[in-house]
Amino acid sequence: MRARLIPLDGGQPIELVKDLTLVGRREDCDLNLDHKSVSKMHCVLVKTDGLLLVRDLGSTNGTRVNGQRIRRAALLPNDQLGIAAVKFRIFLGPGEPLKADDRTQMIQPADFKELLSANREGDSLGELIDRPIVQNSLPDNYEDGTSRS
């Protein structure tokens, strides 16, 4: 599995090549973050079975995932990892990282059918036009009134 940390300050992505990466301010850490807010031995990142896990090592300023301070957590693509004041976005998998604002776009059945009609000639998607298109039965809004996208 390919795993990278994309710095939110615009620096170069950091490829996690080892299965276990020690992160901290000490020079002998696998990932040395030279910032005064980072502890000498801050956290450890573990790649295993298609997952990226993080465990805080009792750091002074903490480790955060999506703004929440954690002791240990599983990291998902596009999660934000805060190592004290240093922030990264998580990239997992092949290819190029997504942009922070890349999201799946919701499309209505009628709009989908129109798109298929426009691309019908010579396009394999055109074969789908004769199949019935139904709206997803799962709710876009949950009981608390928030939407999940």
C-alpha atoms as a PDB file:
ATOM      1  CA  MET A   1       0.000   0.000   0.000  1.00  0.00           C
ATOM      2  CA  ARG A   2       1.235   3.450  -0.889  1.00  0.00           C
ATOM      3  CA  ALA A   3       0.889   6.044   1.873  1.00  0.00           C
ATOM      4  CA  ARG A   4       1.891   9.686   1.782  1.00  0.00           C
ATOM      5  CA  LEU A   5       1.592  12.656   4.098  1.00  0.00           C
ATOM      6  CA  ILE A   6       0.729  15.819   2.164  1.00  0.00           C
ATOM      7  CA  PRO A   7       1.812  18.915   4.166  1.00  0.00           C
ATOM      8  CA  LEU A   8      -1.009  21.447   4.460  1.00  0.00           C
ATOM      9  CA  ASP A   9       1.533  24.272   4.297  1.00  0.00           C
ATOM     10  CA  GLY A  10       2.302  23.312   0.685  1.00  0.00           C
ATOM     11  CA  GLY A  11       5.603  21.482   1.201  1.00  0.00           C
ATOM     12  CA  GLN A  12       6.735  18.319  -0.573  1.00  0.00           C
ATOM     13  CA  PRO A  13       4.716  15.117   0.093  1.00  0.00           C
ATOM     14  CA  ILE A  14       6.358  12.605   2.437  1.00  0.00           C
ATOM     15  CA  GLU A  15       6.297   8.990   1.252  1.00  0.00           C
ATOM     16  CA  LEU A  16       5.923   6.466   4.086  1.00  0.00           C
ATOM     17  CA  VAL A  17       8.135   3.641   2.841  1.00  0.00           C
ATOM     18  CA  LYS A  18       8.523   1.673   6.087  1.00  0.00           C
ATOM     19  CA  ASP A  19       5.819  -0.418   7.724  1.00  0.00           C
ATOM     20  CA  LEU A  20       6.581   1.349  11.019  1.00  0.00           C
ATOM     21  CA  THR A  21       7.586   5.031  10.991  1.00  0.00           C
ATOM     22  CA  LEU A  22       8.708   6.781  14.170  1.00  0.00           C
ATOM     23  CA  VAL A  23       7.831  10.498  14.041  1.00  0.00           C
ATOM     24  CA  GLY A  24       9.464  13.122  16.227  1.00  0.00           C
ATOM     25  CA  ARG A  25      11.960  15.935  16.648  1.00  0.00           C
ATOM     26  CA  ARG A  26      14.958  13.654  17.371  1.00  0.00           C
ATOM     27  CA  GLU A  27      17.406  13.258  14.515  1.00  0.00           C
ATOM     28  CA  ASP A  28      17.240   9.449  14.645  1.00  0.00           C
ATOM     29  CA  CYS A  29      13.442   9.368  14.069  1.00  0.00           C
ATOM     30  CA  ASP A  30      12.340   7.922  10.733  1.00  0.00           C
ATOM     31  CA  LEU A  31      10.394  11.119  10.071  1.00  0.00           C
ATOM     32  CA  ASN A  32      12.181  14.056  11.654  1.00  0.00           C
ATOM     33  CA  LEU A  33       9.926  17.097  12.136  1.00  0.00           C
ATOM     34  CA  ASP A  34      12.116  19.982  13.226  1.00  0.00           C
ATOM     35  CA  HIS A  35       9.451  22.101  14.919  1.00  0.00           C
ATOM     36  CA  LYS A  36       9.494  23.250  18.540  1.00  0.00           C
ATOM     37  CA  SER A  37       5.925  21.993  19.176  1.00  0.00           C
ATOM     38  CA  VAL A  38       6.794  18.400  18.153  1.00  0.00           C
ATOM     39  CA  SER A  39       7.979  16.072  20.935  1.00  0.00           C
ATOM     40  CA  LYS A  40      11.302  14.242  20.610  1.00  0.00           C
ATOM     41  CA  MET A  41       9.411  10.976  20.067  1.00  0.00           C
ATOM     42  CA  HIS A  42       5.930  12.131  19.163  1.00  0.00           C
ATOM     43  CA  CYS A  43       3.992   9.315  17.471  1.00  0.00           C
ATOM     44  CA  VAL A  44       4.324   6.199  15.361  1.00  0.00           C
ATOM     45  CA  LEU A  45       2.654   5.484  11.993  1.00  0.00           C
ATOM     46  CA  VAL A  46       2.009   1.830  11.107  1.00  0.00           C
ATOM     47  CA  LYS A  47       1.080   0.464   7.667  1.00  0.00           C
ATOM     48  CA  THR A  48      -0.676  -2.885   7.966  1.00  0.00           C
ATOM     49  CA  ASP A  49      -3.247  -4.836   5.937  1.00  0.00           C
ATOM     50  CA  GLY A  50      -4.215  -1.847   3.802  1.00  0.00           C
ATOM     51  CA  LEU A  51      -4.594   0.436   6.815  1.00  0.00           C
ATOM     52  CA  LEU A  52      -2.573   3.321   8.160  1.00  0.00           C
ATOM     53  CA  LEU A  53      -2.640   3.553  11.948  1.00  0.00           C
ATOM     54  CA  VAL A  54      -1.281   6.277  14.217  1.00  0.00           C
ATOM     55  CA  ARG A  55      -0.420   6.042  17.911  1.00  0.00           C
ATOM     56  CA  ASP A  56       0.597   8.984  20.060  1.00  0.00           C
ATOM     57  CA  LEU A  57       3.630   8.272  22.247  1.00  0.00           C
ATOM     58  CA  GLY A  58       2.617  10.503  25.169  1.00  0.00           C
ATOM     59  CA  SER A  59       3.539  13.709  23.355  1.00  0.00           C
ATOM     60  CA  THR A  60       3.207  17.065  25.103  1.00  0.00           C
ATOM     61  CA  ASN A  61       1.191  18.843  22.390  1.00  0.00           C
ATOM     62  CA  GLY A  62      -0.729  15.800  21.169  1.00  0.00           C
ATOM     63  CA  THR A  63      -1.637  14.107  17.929  1.00  0.00           C
ATOM     64  CA  ARG A  64      -4.924  14.981  16.243  1.00  0.00           C
ATOM     65  CA  VAL A  65      -7.027  13.364  13.534  1.00  0.00           C
ATOM     66  CA  ASN A  66      -9.505  15.732  11.890  1.00  0.00           C
ATOM     67  CA  GLY A  67      -9.071  18.122  14.813  1.00  0.00           C
ATOM     68  CA  GLN A  68      -9.742  15.569  17.561  1.00  0.00           C
ATOM     69  CA  ARG A  69      -6.926  14.660  19.937  1.00  0.00           C
ATOM     70  CA  ILE A  70      -6.262  10.914  19.889  1.00  0.00           C
ATOM     71  CA  ARG A  71      -4.116   8.275  21.556  1.00  0.00           C
ATOM     72  CA  ARG A  72      -4.489   5.913  18.621  1.00  0.00           C
ATOM     73  CA  ALA A  73      -6.571   5.939  15.437  1.00  0.00           C
ATOM     74  CA  ALA A  74      -6.973   4.503  11.963  1.00  0.00           C
ATOM     75  CA  LEU A  75      -6.321   7.034   9.207  1.00  0.00           C
ATOM     76  CA  LEU A  76      -8.488   7.230   6.097  1.00  0.00           C
ATOM     77  CA  PRO A  77      -7.754   8.952   2.779  1.00  0.00           C
ATOM     78  CA  ASN A  78      -8.048  12.748   3.026  1.00  0.00           C
ATOM     79  CA  ASP A  79      -8.023  12.694   6.848  1.00  0.00           C
ATOM     80  CA  GLN A  80      -6.133  15.564   8.425  1.00  0.00           C
ATOM     81  CA  LEU A  81      -3.308  14.485  10.743  1.00  0.00           C
ATOM     82  CA  GLY A  82      -1.985  17.051  13.209  1.00  0.00           C
ATOM     83  CA  ILE A  83       1.353  16.278  14.821  1.00  0.00           C
ATOM     84  CA  ALA A  84       1.466  19.116  17.374  1.00  0.00           C
ATOM     85  CA  ALA A  85       1.381  22.244  15.145  1.00  0.00           C
ATOM     86  CA  VAL A  86       2.443  20.414  11.950  1.00  0.00           C
ATOM     87  CA  LYS A  87      -0.518  19.371   9.789  1.00  0.00           C
ATOM     88  CA  PHE A  88      -0.798  16.838   6.979  1.00  0.00           C
ATOM     89  CA  ARG A  89      -3.480  15.379   4.755  1.00  0.00           C
ATOM     90  CA  ILE A  90      -3.442  11.575   4.350  1.00  0.00           C
ATOM     91  CA  PHE A  91      -3.070   9.986   0.923  1.00  0.00           C
ATOM     92  CA  LEU A  92      -3.483   6.216   0.542  1.00  0.00           C
ATOM     93  CA  GLY A  93      -3.431   4.159  -2.635  1.00  0.00           C
ATOM     94  CA  PRO A  94      -2.041   4.399  -6.152  1.00  0.00           C
ATOM     95  CA  GLY A  95      -2.074   7.460  -8.372  1.00  0.00           C
ATOM     96  CA  GLU A  96      -2.015  11.109  -7.449  1.00  0.00           C
ATOM     97  CA  PRO A  97      -3.513  12.555  -4.271  1.00  0.00           C
ATOM     98  CA  LEU A  98      -6.947  14.149  -4.394  1.00  0.00           C
ATOM     99  CA  LYS A  99      -7.278  17.869  -3.876  1.00  0.00           C
ATOM    100  CA  ALA A 100      -8.716  18.856  -0.508  1.00  0.00           C
ATOM    101  CA  ASP A 101     -11.998  19.963  -2.120  1.00  0.00           C
ATOM    102  CA  ASP A 102     -12.477  16.832  -4.310  1.00  0.00           C
ATOM    103  CA  ARG A 103     -15.754  15.194  -3.407  1.00  0.00           C
ATOM    104  CA  THR A 104     -18.311  12.889  -4.967  1.00  0.00           C
ATOM    105  CA  GLN A 105     -21.026  14.886  -6.653  1.00  0.00           C
ATOM    106  CA  MET A 106     -24.656  13.890  -6.176  1.00  0.00           C
ATOM    107  CA  ILE A 107     -26.596  13.623  -9.436  1.00  0.00           C
ATOM    108  CA  GLN A 108     -30.339  13.141  -9.902  1.00  0.00           C
ATOM    109  CA  PRO A 109     -31.631  10.220 -12.052  1.00  0.00           C
ATOM    110  CA  ALA A 110     -33.049  12.567 -14.709  1.00  0.00           C
ATOM    111  CA  ASP A 111     -29.713  14.388 -15.037  1.00  0.00           C
ATOM    112  CA  PHE A 112     -27.874  11.062 -15.274  1.00  0.00           C
ATOM    113  CA  LYS A 113     -30.188   9.873 -18.048  1.00  0.00           C
ATOM    114  CA  GLU A 114     -29.604  13.145 -19.935  1.00  0.00           C
ATOM    115  CA  LEU A 115     -25.821  12.707 -19.652  1.00  0.00           C
ATOM    116  CA  LEU A 116     -26.074   9.171 -20.983  1.00  0.00           C
ATOM    117  CA  SER A 117     -28.218  10.323 -23.909  1.00  0.00           C
ATOM    118  CA  ALA A 118     -25.666  12.983 -24.854  1.00  0.00           C
ATOM    119  CA  ASN A 119     -22.846  10.408 -24.838  1.00  0.00           C
ATOM    120  CA  ARG A 120     -24.769   7.523 -26.415  1.00  0.00           C
ATOM    121  CA  GLU A 121     -22.955   7.373 -29.751  1.00  0.00           C
ATOM    122  CA  GLY A 122     -19.839   5.201 -29.607  1.00  0.00           C
ATOM    123  CA  ASP A 123     -19.712   5.272 -25.826  1.00  0.00           C
ATOM    124  CA  SER A 124     -20.107   2.160 -23.695  1.00  0.00           C
ATOM    125  CA  LEU A 125     -22.096   4.230 -21.194  1.00  0.00           C
ATOM    126  CA  GLY A 126     -24.792   4.561 -23.830  1.00  0.00           C
ATOM    127  CA  GLU A 127     -25.652   0.891 -23.354  1.00  0.00           C
ATOM    128  CA  LEU A 128     -26.874   1.726 -19.848  1.00  0.00           C
ATOM    129  CA  ILE A 129     -29.589   4.077 -21.110  1.00  0.00           C
ATOM    130  CA  ASP A 130     -32.090   1.274 -21.669  1.00  0.00           C
ATOM    131  CA  ARG A 131     -31.794   0.100 -18.069  1.00  0.00           C
ATOM    132  CA  PRO A 132     -34.139   1.652 -15.497  1.00  0.00           C
ATOM    133  CA  ILE A 133     -32.540   4.409 -13.430  1.00  0.00           C
ATOM    134  CA  VAL A 134     -33.800   4.617  -9.859  1.00  0.00           C
ATOM    135  CA  GLN A 135     -32.951   6.978  -7.034  1.00  0.00           C
ATOM    136  CA  ASN A 136     -30.805   5.618  -4.213  1.00  0.00           C
ATOM    137  CA  SER A 137     -33.020   4.479  -1.346  1.00  0.00           C
ATOM    138  CA  LEU A 138     -30.491   5.550   1.295  1.00  0.00           C
ATOM    139  CA  PRO A 139     -31.181   8.979   2.800  1.00  0.00           C
ATOM    140  CA  ASP A 140     -29.041  11.992   1.974  1.00  0.00           C
ATOM    141  CA  ASN A 141     -30.179  13.612   5.210  1.00  0.00           C
ATOM    142  CA  TYR A 142     -30.096  11.982   8.615  1.00  0.00           C
ATOM    143  CA  GLU A 143     -32.409  12.405  11.589  1.00  0.00           C
ATOM    144  CA  ASP A 144     -30.257  15.163  13.104  1.00  0.00           C
ATOM    145  CA  GLY A 145     -30.816  17.264   9.948  1.00  0.00           C
ATOM    146  CA  THR A 146     -27.245  17.059   8.699  1.00  0.00           C
ATOM    147  CA  SER A 147     -26.372  15.752   5.272  1.00  0.00           C
ATOM    148  CA  ARG A 148     -23.617  13.229   4.621  1.00  0.00           C
ATOM    149  CA  SER A 149     -21.615  13.750   1.452  1.00  0.00           C
END
